[in-house]
Amino acid sequence: MYSPDAPNNQKLTKASSEDVIESFEQLLENDQRIEPRDDMPDNYRRTLIRQIGQHAHSEIIGMQPEANWITRAPSLRRKAILMSKVQDEAGHGLYLYSAAETLGADRTDLLEKLNDGKMKYSSIFNYPTPTWADMGAIGWLVDGAAIVNQVPLCRNSYGPYARAMVRICKEESFHQRQGYEIMLTLSNGTPEQKEMAQDALNRWWWPSVMMFGPPDDQSPNSAASMKWKIKLFSNDDLRQKFVDMAVGQADILGLTIPDPDLKWNEETGHYDFGEPDWDEFFDVINGNGPCNKLRVDSRRKAHEDGQWVRDAAVAFANKQKTLAENQAA
C-alpha cells in the first residue's frame, strides 16, 4: 500500500505483490472503485499518473488557443462566455492534478515535465486559431469529442479520477453548446460568415477525429487500460460514436464534413468514414505540429513569470506557521 503523501511513490508496507494483485483484481471484479488507501499494482499506478497527468496538461495547454481570442471576441457577451470557458479549463487542470497527487505524484514534478517537453498533452491543441470561427469549431468538435471520450471516465475504476470527471463533463457540455451556438450563428449569417464556419470545420475535422488516439492496433496503452477499467471503450469505438454524432449536427448547420468517404452504412447502423492522416497525428504528437513549440514556450514563460506568486505564497504560509508556533509556545 502507498500513502498519497509519500514522495516518489515510495512503498510503505510489506504487502506482497501477490496479495496486492489479488485484492486489486477482486475490487475490479466486483465493480468497486479503487481508492488511494487500497493496494494497487505499480503498473496501474503509473498508468493512471501518466493518463491523468496528460489529461491535466491538456486542460492547461488548451487554454492558450482560446485565450488569445478573448480580447477580440465580437461582443461583450462572447468575451464573458469565452473567459468563463478558459477559467473552467484552468479548474479542470487543478482537479486532475489533485487526483494525480492522491496516487503519490508530485504536482511540481508533473508541471516541470510538461515545461521540459517530457510529458505529452492532447495533439489537438497544437493547431492555430486564425479566425473567430475556430472558437466555434473547438467548442463544437474538440469539446464534443472530449465529452464522448470523458463521460465514460466518470465510471472508471479509480475513485478520485472518476469523481473529478463528473464536474468536468458537466462543464464540457456547456463548452460544447457554446461552440455549437457560434457555428450556428455564423452558418445563418452572411455568406462570408458561413464560409468562415465551413473553413473552420475543414481545418478542425480531422484533428478532432484523431483526438481519440491511434487505431486500436497501434495504441500501446489501451489494452492494459481497458483490462484495469480505466478506459471502458476503445479508441476506435469512441471515434465512431463521435462521427455518428457530428454528422447530424453538421446537417443542421448546413455545413459539409470534409470527408468524401463519409456515408451511412445500413448493415452496421453507423457512418463509414475515411482514414485520418496518421502520419500527421504522430508528427504532431512527437512535437512537430504547427504550434507545438509556441504552446510549450508560452506555458514555460507563464510558469516562470508566476514564480513570484509561488514564492509569496510559501513565504506567507511560513509566516503564518511561525506565528502559530509562537502563540502556542
C-alpha atoms as a PDB file:
ATOM      1  CA  MET A   1       0.000   0.000   0.000  1.00  0.00           C
ATOM      2  CA  TYR A   2       1.114   3.549  -0.716  1.00  0.00           C
ATOM      3  CA  SER A   3       0.473   6.800   1.034  1.00  0.00           C
ATOM      4  CA  PRO A   4      -0.636   9.750  -1.111  1.00  0.00           C
ATOM      5  CA  ASP A   5       1.851  11.840   0.868  1.00  0.00           C
ATOM      6  CA  ALA A   6       4.806   9.614   0.141  1.00  0.00           C
ATOM      7  CA  PRO A   7       7.327  11.125  -2.314  1.00  0.00           C
ATOM      8  CA  ASN A   8       8.304   9.281  -5.487  1.00  0.00           C
ATOM      9  CA  ASN A   9       5.691   6.571  -4.993  1.00  0.00           C
ATOM     10  CA  GLN A  10       7.616   5.115  -2.062  1.00  0.00           C
ATOM     11  CA  LYS A  11       6.135   1.797  -0.884  1.00  0.00           C
ATOM     12  CA  LEU A  12       5.111   1.906   2.787  1.00  0.00           C
ATOM     13  CA  THR A  13       4.028  -1.646   3.661  1.00  0.00           C
ATOM     14  CA  LYS A  14       5.362  -5.133   3.165  1.00  0.00           C
ATOM     15  CA  ALA A  15       2.301  -6.405   1.348  1.00  0.00           C
ATOM     16  CA  SER A  16       3.465  -8.986  -1.210  1.00  0.00           C
ATOM     17  CA  SER A  17       2.861  -8.352  -4.886  1.00  0.00           C
ATOM     18  CA  GLU A  18       0.614 -11.425  -4.979  1.00  0.00           C
ATOM     19  CA  ASP A  19      -1.578 -10.066  -2.194  1.00  0.00           C
ATOM     20  CA  VAL A  20      -1.756  -6.659  -3.862  1.00  0.00           C
ATOM     21  CA  ILE A  21      -2.808  -8.135  -7.197  1.00  0.00           C
ATOM     22  CA  GLU A  22      -5.362 -10.452  -5.592  1.00  0.00           C
ATOM     23  CA  SER A  23      -7.104  -7.710  -3.593  1.00  0.00           C
ATOM     24  CA  PHE A  24      -6.910  -5.307  -6.535  1.00  0.00           C
ATOM     25  CA  GLU A  25      -8.426  -7.755  -9.001  1.00  0.00           C
ATOM     26  CA  GLN A  26     -11.165  -8.624  -6.527  1.00  0.00           C
ATOM     27  CA  LEU A  27     -12.198  -4.967  -6.344  1.00  0.00           C
ATOM     28  CA  LEU A  28     -12.249  -4.725 -10.135  1.00  0.00           C
ATOM     29  CA  GLU A  29     -14.252  -7.930 -10.461  1.00  0.00           C
ATOM     30  CA  ASN A  30     -16.847  -6.568  -8.040  1.00  0.00           C
ATOM     31  CA  ASP A  31     -17.035  -3.272  -9.994  1.00  0.00           C
ATOM     32  CA  GLN A  32     -15.810  -1.370  -6.943  1.00  0.00           C
ATOM     33  CA  ARG A  33     -13.698   1.758  -7.117  1.00  0.00           C
ATOM     34  CA  ILE A  34     -10.013   1.662  -6.318  1.00  0.00           C
ATOM     35  CA  GLU A  35      -9.270   4.332  -3.686  1.00  0.00           C
ATOM     36  CA  PRO A  36      -5.937   5.865  -2.642  1.00  0.00           C
ATOM     37  CA  ARG A  37      -5.885   3.733   0.521  1.00  0.00           C
ATOM     38  CA  ASP A  38      -6.158   0.484  -1.469  1.00  0.00           C
ATOM     39  CA  ASP A  39      -3.255  -1.660  -2.589  1.00  0.00           C
ATOM     40  CA  MET A  40      -2.713  -1.476  -6.339  1.00  0.00           C
ATOM     41  CA  PRO A  41      -0.121  -2.776  -8.810  1.00  0.00           C
ATOM     42  CA  ASP A  42       2.705  -0.407  -9.667  1.00  0.00           C
ATOM     43  CA  ASN A  43       1.815  -0.509 -13.360  1.00  0.00           C
ATOM     44  CA  TYR A  44      -1.770   0.558 -12.624  1.00  0.00           C
ATOM     45  CA  ARG A  45      -0.497   3.476 -10.558  1.00  0.00           C
ATOM     46  CA  ARG A  46       1.998   4.535 -13.228  1.00  0.00           C
ATOM     47  CA  THR A  47      -0.598   4.258 -15.985  1.00  0.00           C
ATOM     48  CA  LEU A  48      -3.021   6.435 -14.051  1.00  0.00           C
ATOM     49  CA  ILE A  49      -0.389   9.072 -13.266  1.00  0.00           C
ATOM     50  CA  ARG A  50       0.551   9.198 -16.951  1.00  0.00           C
ATOM     51  CA  GLN A  51      -3.068   9.435 -18.150  1.00  0.00           C
ATOM     52  CA  ILE A  52      -4.295  11.869 -15.500  1.00  0.00           C
ATOM     53  CA  GLY A  53      -1.150  13.980 -15.860  1.00  0.00           C
ATOM     54  CA  GLN A  54      -1.520  14.189 -19.633  1.00  0.00           C
ATOM     55  CA  HIS A  55      -5.209  14.999 -19.214  1.00  0.00           C
ATOM     56  CA  ALA A  56      -4.379  17.814 -16.774  1.00  0.00           C
ATOM     57  CA  HIS A  57      -1.676  19.144 -19.105  1.00  0.00           C
ATOM     58  CA  SER A  58      -4.176  19.136 -21.989  1.00  0.00           C
ATOM     59  CA  GLU A  59      -6.572  21.305 -19.998  1.00  0.00           C
ATOM     60  CA  ILE A  60      -3.824  23.792 -19.131  1.00  0.00           C
ATOM     61  CA  ILE A  61      -2.357  23.965 -22.643  1.00  0.00           C
ATOM     62  CA  GLY A  62      -5.889  24.027 -24.062  1.00  0.00           C
ATOM     63  CA  MET A  63      -6.426  27.450 -22.524  1.00  0.00           C
ATOM     64  CA  GLN A  64      -3.976  29.010 -24.984  1.00  0.00           C
ATOM     65  CA  PRO A  65      -5.733  28.646 -28.372  1.00  0.00           C
ATOM     66  CA  GLU A  66      -8.861  30.295 -26.980  1.00  0.00           C
ATOM     67  CA  ALA A  67      -7.417  32.830 -24.549  1.00  0.00           C
ATOM     68  CA  ASN A  68      -5.866  34.758 -27.423  1.00  0.00           C
ATOM     69  CA  TRP A  69      -9.400  35.453 -28.736  1.00  0.00           C
ATOM     70  CA  ILE A  70     -10.841  36.902 -25.509  1.00  0.00           C
ATOM     71  CA  THR A  71      -9.888  40.487 -26.370  1.00  0.00           C
ATOM     72  CA  ARG A  72     -11.013  40.043 -29.987  1.00  0.00           C
ATOM     73  CA  ALA A  73     -14.368  38.359 -29.411  1.00  0.00           C
ATOM     74  CA  PRO A  74     -17.117  40.175 -31.371  1.00  0.00           C
ATOM     75  CA  SER A  75     -19.246  41.231 -28.389  1.00  0.00           C
ATOM     76  CA  LEU A  76     -19.117  41.685 -24.626  1.00  0.00           C
ATOM     77  CA  ARG A  77     -21.335  38.601 -24.247  1.00  0.00           C
ATOM     78  CA  ARG A  78     -18.925  36.499 -26.297  1.00  0.00           C
ATOM     79  CA  LYS A  79     -15.971  37.806 -24.271  1.00  0.00           C
ATOM     80  CA  ALA A  80     -17.649  36.898 -20.977  1.00  0.00           C
ATOM     81  CA  ILE A  81     -18.553  33.387 -22.177  1.00  0.00           C
ATOM     82  CA  LEU A  82     -15.062  32.734 -23.523  1.00  0.00           C
ATOM     83  CA  MET A  83     -13.448  33.990 -20.310  1.00  0.00           C
ATOM     84  CA  SER A  84     -15.676  31.648 -18.333  1.00  0.00           C
ATOM     85  CA  LYS A  85     -14.710  28.737 -20.553  1.00  0.00           C
ATOM     86  CA  VAL A  86     -10.973  29.375 -20.240  1.00  0.00           C
ATOM     87  CA  GLN A  87     -11.399  29.697 -16.470  1.00  0.00           C
ATOM     88  CA  ASP A  88     -13.197  26.347 -16.424  1.00  0.00           C
ATOM     89  CA  GLU A  89     -10.283  24.716 -18.216  1.00  0.00           C
ATOM     90  CA  ALA A  90      -7.856  26.001 -15.591  1.00  0.00           C
ATOM     91  CA  GLY A  91     -10.109  24.498 -12.932  1.00  0.00           C
ATOM     92  CA  HIS A  92     -10.192  21.163 -14.750  1.00  0.00           C
ATOM     93  CA  GLY A  93      -6.416  21.076 -14.690  1.00  0.00           C
ATOM     94  CA  LEU A  94      -6.407  21.708 -10.947  1.00  0.00           C
ATOM     95  CA  TYR A  95      -8.967  18.932 -10.288  1.00  0.00           C
ATOM     96  CA  LEU A  96      -6.858  16.500 -12.294  1.00  0.00           C
ATOM     97  CA  TYR A  97      -3.515  17.430 -10.738  1.00  0.00           C
ATOM     98  CA  SER A  98      -5.168  16.893  -7.345  1.00  0.00           C
ATOM     99  CA  ALA A  99      -6.359  13.447  -8.461  1.00  0.00           C
ATOM    100  CA  ALA A 100      -2.820  12.583  -9.589  1.00  0.00           C
ATOM    101  CA  GLU A 101      -1.483  13.650  -6.188  1.00  0.00           C
ATOM    102  CA  THR A 102      -3.653  11.010  -4.490  1.00  0.00           C
ATOM    103  CA  LEU A 103      -1.508   8.464  -6.339  1.00  0.00           C
ATOM    104  CA  GLY A 104       1.694   9.880  -4.867  1.00  0.00           C
ATOM    105  CA  ALA A 105       2.542  12.075  -7.867  1.00  0.00           C
ATOM    106  CA  ASP A 106       4.084  15.469  -7.237  1.00  0.00           C
ATOM    107  CA  ARG A 107       2.353  18.377  -8.972  1.00  0.00           C
ATOM    108  CA  THR A 108       5.575  20.355  -9.323  1.00  0.00           C
ATOM    109  CA  ASP A 109       7.242  17.374 -10.960  1.00  0.00           C
ATOM    110  CA  LEU A 110       4.338  16.948 -13.408  1.00  0.00           C
ATOM    111  CA  LEU A 111       4.471  20.629 -14.372  1.00  0.00           C
ATOM    112  CA  GLU A 112       8.238  20.526 -14.792  1.00  0.00           C
ATOM    113  CA  LYS A 113       7.878  17.559 -17.142  1.00  0.00           C
ATOM    114  CA  LEU A 114       5.280  19.482 -19.147  1.00  0.00           C
ATOM    115  CA  ASN A 115       7.511  22.564 -19.356  1.00  0.00           C
ATOM    116  CA  ASP A 116      10.521  20.443 -20.324  1.00  0.00           C
ATOM    117  CA  GLY A 117       8.598  18.551 -23.012  1.00  0.00           C
ATOM    118  CA  LYS A 118       8.902  15.229 -21.142  1.00  0.00           C
ATOM    119  CA  MET A 119       5.139  14.680 -20.840  1.00  0.00           C
ATOM    120  CA  LYS A 120       2.632  14.882 -23.656  1.00  0.00           C
ATOM    121  CA  TYR A 121      -0.738  16.571 -23.920  1.00  0.00           C
ATOM    122  CA  SER A 122      -3.542  16.246 -26.474  1.00  0.00           C
ATOM    123  CA  SER A 123      -2.320  16.768 -30.045  1.00  0.00           C
ATOM    124  CA  ILE A 124      -5.424  18.850 -30.846  1.00  0.00           C
ATOM    125  CA  PHE A 125      -4.035  21.935 -29.103  1.00  0.00           C
ATOM    126  CA  ASN A 126      -1.086  22.213 -31.458  1.00  0.00           C
ATOM    127  CA  TYR A 127      -3.163  23.753 -34.244  1.00  0.00           C
ATOM    128  CA  PRO A 128      -3.595  27.517 -34.812  1.00  0.00           C
ATOM    129  CA  THR A 129      -6.816  29.508 -34.334  1.00  0.00           C
ATOM    130  CA  PRO A 130      -6.694  32.225 -37.028  1.00  0.00           C
ATOM    131  CA  THR A 131     -10.415  33.149 -37.105  1.00  0.00           C
ATOM    132  CA  TRP A 132     -13.299  33.647 -34.696  1.00  0.00           C
ATOM    133  CA  ALA A 133     -14.995  30.602 -36.237  1.00  0.00           C
ATOM    134  CA  ASP A 134     -12.243  28.488 -34.704  1.00  0.00           C
ATOM    135  CA  MET A 135     -13.763  29.242 -31.296  1.00  0.00           C
ATOM    136  CA  GLY A 136     -16.958  27.674 -32.566  1.00  0.00           C
ATOM    137  CA  ALA A 137     -15.241  24.673 -34.138  1.00  0.00           C
ATOM    138  CA  ILE A 138     -13.210  23.999 -30.999  1.00  0.00           C
ATOM    139  CA  GLY A 139     -16.281  24.131 -28.795  1.00  0.00           C
ATOM    140  CA  TRP A 140     -18.411  22.023 -31.127  1.00  0.00           C
ATOM    141  CA  LEU A 141     -15.863  19.465 -32.314  1.00  0.00           C
ATOM    142  CA  VAL A 142     -12.997  19.411 -29.811  1.00  0.00           C
ATOM    143  CA  ASP A 143     -15.143  19.691 -26.694  1.00  0.00           C
ATOM    144  CA  GLY A 144     -17.717  17.417 -28.313  1.00  0.00           C
ATOM    145  CA  ALA A 145     -15.022  14.793 -28.814  1.00  0.00           C
ATOM    146  CA  ALA A 146     -13.860  15.376 -25.224  1.00  0.00           C
ATOM    147  CA  ILE A 147     -17.378  14.661 -23.948  1.00  0.00           C
ATOM    148  CA  VAL A 148     -17.560  11.399 -25.914  1.00  0.00           C
ATOM    149  CA  ASN A 149     -14.180  10.382 -24.504  1.00  0.00           C
ATOM    150  CA  GLN A 150     -14.649  11.628 -20.947  1.00  0.00           C
ATOM    151  CA  VAL A 151     -18.201  10.685 -19.986  1.00  0.00           C
ATOM    152  CA  PRO A 152     -17.157   7.002 -19.660  1.00  0.00           C
ATOM    153  CA  LEU A 153     -14.295   8.159 -17.419  1.00  0.00           C
ATOM    154  CA  CYS A 154     -16.923   9.111 -14.831  1.00  0.00           C
ATOM    155  CA  ARG A 155     -17.221   5.341 -14.333  1.00  0.00           C
ATOM    156  CA  ASN A 156     -13.530   4.445 -14.486  1.00  0.00           C
ATOM    157  CA  SER A 157     -12.029   2.264 -11.786  1.00  0.00           C
ATOM    158  CA  TYR A 158     -10.041   4.911  -9.865  1.00  0.00           C
ATOM    159  CA  GLY A 159     -12.303   6.824  -7.485  1.00  0.00           C
ATOM    160  CA  PRO A 160     -10.668  10.296  -7.359  1.00  0.00           C
ATOM    161  CA  TYR A 161     -10.335  10.412 -11.154  1.00  0.00           C
ATOM    162  CA  ALA A 162     -13.928   9.280 -11.713  1.00  0.00           C
ATOM    163  CA  ARG A 163     -15.329  11.828  -9.256  1.00  0.00           C
ATOM    164  CA  ALA A 164     -13.294  14.676 -10.774  1.00  0.00           C
ATOM    165  CA  MET A 165     -14.686  13.790 -14.198  1.00  0.00           C
ATOM    166  CA  VAL A 166     -18.314  14.273 -13.123  1.00  0.00           C
ATOM    167  CA  ARG A 167     -17.963  18.048 -12.770  1.00  0.00           C
ATOM    168  CA  ILE A 168     -15.564  18.316 -15.695  1.00  0.00           C
ATOM    169  CA  CYS A 169     -18.051  16.644 -18.036  1.00  0.00           C
ATOM    170  CA  LYS A 170     -20.875  18.933 -16.906  1.00  0.00           C
ATOM    171  CA  GLU A 171     -18.747  21.957 -17.741  1.00  0.00           C
ATOM    172  CA  GLU A 172     -17.567  20.450 -21.030  1.00  0.00           C
ATOM    173  CA  SER A 173     -21.220  20.162 -22.049  1.00  0.00           C
ATOM    174  CA  PHE A 174     -21.543  23.931 -21.607  1.00  0.00           C
ATOM    175  CA  HIS A 175     -18.409  24.408 -23.707  1.00  0.00           C
ATOM    176  CA  GLN A 176     -19.787  22.238 -26.495  1.00  0.00           C
ATOM    177  CA  ARG A 177     -23.076  24.137 -26.595  1.00  0.00           C
ATOM    178  CA  GLN A 178     -21.218  27.461 -26.623  1.00  0.00           C
ATOM    179  CA  GLY A 179     -19.167  26.380 -29.634  1.00  0.00           C
ATOM    180  CA  TYR A 180     -22.137  24.978 -31.499  1.00  0.00           C
ATOM    181  CA  GLU A 181     -24.051  28.223 -30.959  1.00  0.00           C
ATOM    182  CA  ILE A 182     -21.177  30.187 -32.520  1.00  0.00           C
ATOM    183  CA  MET A 183     -21.194  27.885 -35.546  1.00  0.00           C
ATOM    184  CA  LEU A 184     -24.981  28.136 -35.838  1.00  0.00           C
ATOM    185  CA  THR A 185     -24.852  31.938 -35.723  1.00  0.00           C
ATOM    186  CA  LEU A 186     -22.148  32.059 -38.392  1.00  0.00           C
ATOM    187  CA  SER A 187     -23.906  29.489 -40.577  1.00  0.00           C
ATOM    188  CA  ASN A 188     -27.079  31.578 -40.533  1.00  0.00           C
ATOM    189  CA  GLY A 189     -25.220  34.834 -41.111  1.00  0.00           C
ATOM    190  CA  THR A 190     -23.746  36.377 -44.234  1.00  0.00           C
ATOM    191  CA  PRO A 191     -22.224  34.229 -46.992  1.00  0.00           C
ATOM    192  CA  GLU A 192     -18.792  35.313 -45.754  1.00  0.00           C
ATOM    193  CA  GLN A 193     -19.619  34.191 -42.218  1.00  0.00           C
ATOM    194  CA  LYS A 194     -20.883  30.803 -43.381  1.00  0.00           C
ATOM    195  CA  GLU A 195     -17.752  30.391 -45.472  1.00  0.00           C
ATOM    196  CA  MET A 196     -15.654  31.149 -42.379  1.00  0.00           C
ATOM    197  CA  ALA A 197     -17.561  28.465 -40.423  1.00  0.00           C
ATOM    198  CA  GLN A 198     -17.020  25.930 -43.214  1.00  0.00           C
ATOM    199  CA  ASP A 199     -13.324  26.766 -43.337  1.00  0.00           C
ATOM    200  CA  ALA A 200     -13.008  26.164 -39.578  1.00  0.00           C
ATOM    201  CA  LEU A 201     -14.809  22.833 -39.917  1.00  0.00           C
ATOM    202  CA  ASN A 202     -12.476  21.854 -42.759  1.00  0.00           C
ATOM    203  CA  ARG A 203      -9.409  22.537 -40.612  1.00  0.00           C
ATOM    204  CA  TRP A 204     -10.627  21.046 -37.319  1.00  0.00           C
ATOM    205  CA  TRP A 205     -12.482  17.948 -38.514  1.00  0.00           C
ATOM    206  CA  TRP A 206      -9.598  15.539 -38.947  1.00  0.00           C
ATOM    207  CA  PRO A 207      -7.613  16.680 -35.875  1.00  0.00           C
ATOM    208  CA  SER A 208     -10.830  16.101 -33.866  1.00  0.00           C
ATOM    209  CA  VAL A 209     -11.248  12.613 -35.329  1.00  0.00           C
ATOM    210  CA  MET A 210      -7.644  11.828 -34.433  1.00  0.00           C
ATOM    211  CA  MET A 211      -8.141  13.218 -30.925  1.00  0.00           C
ATOM    212  CA  PHE A 212      -9.230   9.776 -29.672  1.00  0.00           C
ATOM    213  CA  GLY A 213      -5.733   8.437 -30.206  1.00  0.00           C
ATOM    214  CA  PRO A 214      -4.255   5.998 -32.702  1.00  0.00           C
ATOM    215  CA  PRO A 215      -6.141   2.986 -34.087  1.00  0.00           C
ATOM    216  CA  ASP A 216      -6.655   0.244 -31.534  1.00  0.00           C
ATOM    217  CA  ASP A 217      -3.998  -1.984 -33.107  1.00  0.00           C
ATOM    218  CA  GLN A 218      -1.444   0.831 -32.787  1.00  0.00           C
ATOM    219  CA  SER A 219      -2.350   2.018 -29.279  1.00  0.00           C
ATOM    220  CA  PRO A 220       0.322   0.864 -26.814  1.00  0.00           C
ATOM    221  CA  ASN A 221      -1.654   1.516 -23.616  1.00  0.00           C
ATOM    222  CA  SER A 222      -5.271   0.733 -24.493  1.00  0.00           C
ATOM    223  CA  ALA A 223      -5.241  -2.994 -23.706  1.00  0.00           C
ATOM    224  CA  ALA A 224      -3.955  -2.541 -20.158  1.00  0.00           C
ATOM    225  CA  SER A 225      -6.188   0.484 -19.517  1.00  0.00           C
ATOM    226  CA  MET A 226      -9.279  -1.445 -20.584  1.00  0.00           C
ATOM    227  CA  LYS A 227      -8.256  -4.507 -18.561  1.00  0.00           C
ATOM    228  CA  TRP A 228      -7.977  -2.277 -15.482  1.00  0.00           C
ATOM    229  CA  LYS A 229     -11.241  -0.441 -16.341  1.00  0.00           C
ATOM    230  CA  ILE A 230      -9.502   2.897 -16.608  1.00  0.00           C
ATOM    231  CA  LYS A 231     -10.866   3.013 -20.147  1.00  0.00           C
ATOM    232  CA  LEU A 232     -14.253   1.448 -20.824  1.00  0.00           C
ATOM    233  CA  PHE A 233     -14.301   1.793 -24.619  1.00  0.00           C
ATOM    234  CA  SER A 234     -11.605   1.506 -27.255  1.00  0.00           C
ATOM    235  CA  ASN A 235     -10.242   4.431 -29.282  1.00  0.00           C
ATOM    236  CA  ASP A 236     -11.998   3.254 -32.434  1.00  0.00           C
ATOM    237  CA  ASP A 237     -15.348   2.724 -30.697  1.00  0.00           C
ATOM    238  CA  LEU A 238     -15.246   6.255 -29.271  1.00  0.00           C
ATOM    239  CA  ARG A 239     -14.179   7.679 -32.635  1.00  0.00           C
ATOM    240  CA  GLN A 240     -17.156   6.008 -34.332  1.00  0.00           C
ATOM    241  CA  LYS A 241     -19.553   7.404 -31.753  1.00  0.00           C
ATOM    242  CA  PHE A 242     -18.184  10.903 -32.308  1.00  0.00           C
ATOM    243  CA  VAL A 243     -18.551  10.713 -36.096  1.00  0.00           C
ATOM    244  CA  ASP A 244     -22.112   9.402 -35.814  1.00  0.00           C
ATOM    245  CA  MET A 245     -22.998  12.298 -33.503  1.00  0.00           C
ATOM    246  CA  ALA A 246     -21.287  15.043 -35.514  1.00  0.00           C
ATOM    247  CA  VAL A 247     -22.809  14.213 -38.910  1.00  0.00           C
ATOM    248  CA  GLY A 248     -26.355  15.079 -37.834  1.00  0.00           C
ATOM    249  CA  GLN A 249     -25.162  18.259 -36.149  1.00  0.00           C
ATOM    250  CA  ALA A 250     -23.330  19.358 -39.311  1.00  0.00           C
ATOM    251  CA  ASP A 251     -26.517  18.792 -41.316  1.00  0.00           C
ATOM    252  CA  ILE A 252     -28.417  21.167 -39.019  1.00  0.00           C
ATOM    253  CA  LEU A 253     -25.684  23.770 -39.508  1.00  0.00           C
ATOM    254  CA  GLY A 254     -25.837  23.346 -43.278  1.00  0.00           C
ATOM    255  CA  LEU A 255     -22.107  22.611 -43.346  1.00  0.00           C
ATOM    256  CA  THR A 256     -20.260  19.838 -45.160  1.00  0.00           C
ATOM    257  CA  ILE A 257     -17.929  17.477 -43.338  1.00  0.00           C
ATOM    258  CA  PRO A 258     -14.703  17.340 -45.380  1.00  0.00           C
ATOM    259  CA  ASP A 259     -14.660  13.584 -45.910  1.00  0.00           C
ATOM    260  CA  PRO A 260     -15.555  12.235 -49.378  1.00  0.00           C
ATOM    261  CA  ASP A 261     -15.742   8.708 -47.950  1.00  0.00           C
ATOM    262  CA  LEU A 262     -18.412   9.601 -45.383  1.00  0.00           C
ATOM    263  CA  LYS A 263     -21.594   7.584 -45.955  1.00  0.00           C
ATOM    264  CA  TRP A 264     -24.285   5.790 -43.979  1.00  0.00           C
ATOM    265  CA  ASN A 265     -23.869   2.017 -43.666  1.00  0.00           C
ATOM    266  CA  GLU A 266     -27.224   0.256 -43.372  1.00  0.00           C
ATOM    267  CA  GLU A 267     -25.621  -3.001 -42.253  1.00  0.00           C
ATOM    268  CA  THR A 268     -23.656  -1.581 -39.322  1.00  0.00           C
ATOM    269  CA  GLY A 269     -26.044   1.244 -38.443  1.00  0.00           C
ATOM    270  CA  HIS A 270     -23.100   3.643 -38.381  1.00  0.00           C
ATOM    271  CA  TYR A 271     -21.363   6.050 -40.713  1.00  0.00           C
ATOM    272  CA  ASP A 272     -18.377   4.815 -42.663  1.00  0.00           C
ATOM    273  CA  PHE A 273     -15.647   7.441 -42.820  1.00  0.00           C
ATOM    274  CA  GLY A 274     -12.234   7.952 -44.330  1.00  0.00           C
ATOM    275  CA  GLU A 275      -8.848   7.174 -42.845  1.00  0.00           C
ATOM    276  CA  PRO A 276      -7.211  10.060 -40.963  1.00  0.00           C
ATOM    277  CA  ASP A 277      -3.667  11.085 -41.794  1.00  0.00           C
ATOM    278  CA  TRP A 278      -1.919   9.126 -39.062  1.00  0.00           C
ATOM    279  CA  ASP A 279       1.484  10.356 -40.210  1.00  0.00           C
ATOM    280  CA  GLU A 280       0.334  13.867 -39.338  1.00  0.00           C
ATOM    281  CA  PHE A 281      -1.001  12.647 -35.992  1.00  0.00           C
ATOM    282  CA  PHE A 282       2.267  11.044 -34.938  1.00  0.00           C
ATOM    283  CA  ASP A 283       4.234  14.013 -36.279  1.00  0.00           C
ATOM    284  CA  VAL A 284       2.248  16.379 -34.044  1.00  0.00           C
ATOM    285  CA  ILE A 285       2.471  14.001 -31.078  1.00  0.00           C
ATOM    286  CA  ASN A 286       6.250  13.943 -31.490  1.00  0.00           C
ATOM    287  CA  GLY A 287       6.461  17.729 -31.246  1.00  0.00           C
ATOM    288  CA  ASN A 288       6.409  18.753 -34.899  1.00  0.00           C
ATOM    289  CA  GLY A 289       2.928  20.265 -35.186  1.00  0.00           C
ATOM    290  CA  PRO A 290       2.200  23.843 -36.296  1.00  0.00           C
ATOM    291  CA  CYS A 291       2.115  25.205 -32.726  1.00  0.00           C
ATOM    292  CA  ASN A 292       3.968  22.681 -30.539  1.00  0.00           C
ATOM    293  CA  LYS A 293       6.891  24.969 -29.788  1.00  0.00           C
ATOM    294  CA  LEU A 294       4.660  28.013 -29.312  1.00  0.00           C
ATOM    295  CA  ARG A 295       2.408  26.218 -26.821  1.00  0.00           C
ATOM    296  CA  VAL A 296       5.237  24.844 -24.668  1.00  0.00           C
ATOM    297  CA  ASP A 297       7.235  28.088 -24.792  1.00  0.00           C
ATOM    298  CA  SER A 298       4.155  30.070 -23.706  1.00  0.00           C
ATOM    299  CA  ARG A 299       3.497  27.633 -20.862  1.00  0.00           C
ATOM    300  CA  ARG A 300       7.105  27.789 -19.705  1.00  0.00           C
ATOM    301  CA  LYS A 301       7.107  31.595 -19.788  1.00  0.00           C
ATOM    302  CA  ALA A 302       3.850  31.771 -17.810  1.00  0.00           C
ATOM    303  CA  HIS A 303       5.324  29.394 -15.236  1.00  0.00           C
ATOM    304  CA  GLU A 304       8.496  31.446 -14.893  1.00  0.00           C
ATOM    305  CA  ASP A 305       6.592  34.740 -14.729  1.00  0.00           C
ATOM    306  CA  GLY A 306       4.456  33.324 -11.931  1.00  0.00           C
ATOM    307  CA  GLN A 307       7.375  32.300  -9.728  1.00  0.00           C
ATOM    308  CA  TRP A 308       6.983  35.399  -7.550  1.00  0.00           C
ATOM    309  CA  VAL A 309       3.405  34.389  -6.736  1.00  0.00           C
ATOM    310  CA  ARG A 310       4.506  30.934  -5.615  1.00  0.00           C
ATOM    311  CA  ASP A 311       7.363  32.436  -3.588  1.00  0.00           C
ATOM    312  CA  ALA A 312       4.968  34.874  -1.911  1.00  0.00           C
ATOM    313  CA  ALA A 313       2.525  32.086  -1.077  1.00  0.00           C
ATOM    314  CA  VAL A 314       5.281  29.994   0.516  1.00  0.00           C
ATOM    315  CA  ALA A 315       6.591  32.983   2.485  1.00  0.00           C
ATOM    316  CA  PHE A 316       3.104  33.797   3.755  1.00  0.00           C
ATOM    317  CA  ALA A 317       2.488  30.168   4.760  1.00  0.00           C
ATOM    318  CA  ASN A 318       5.807  30.054   6.625  1.00  0.00           C
ATOM    319  CA  LYS A 319       4.991  33.321   8.373  1.00  0.00           C
ATOM    320  CA  GLN A 320       1.590  32.023   9.475  1.00  0.00           C
ATOM    321  CA  LYS A 321       3.181  28.810  10.717  1.00  0.00           C
ATOM    322  CA  THR A 322       5.766  30.750  12.734  1.00  0.00           C
ATOM    323  CA  LEU A 323       3.058  32.962  14.274  1.00  0.00           C
ATOM    324  CA  ALA A 324       1.025  29.905  15.227  1.00  0.00           C
ATOM    325  CA  GLU A 325       4.050  28.241  16.822  1.00  0.00           C
ATOM    326  CA  ASN A 326       4.909  31.383  18.773  1.00  0.00           C
ATOM    327  CA  GLN A 327       1.334  31.677  20.066  1.00  0.00           C
ATOM    328  CA  ALA A 328       1.348  28.047  21.131  1.00  0.00           C
ATOM    329  CA  ALA A 329       4.682  28.374  22.943  1.00  0.00           C
END
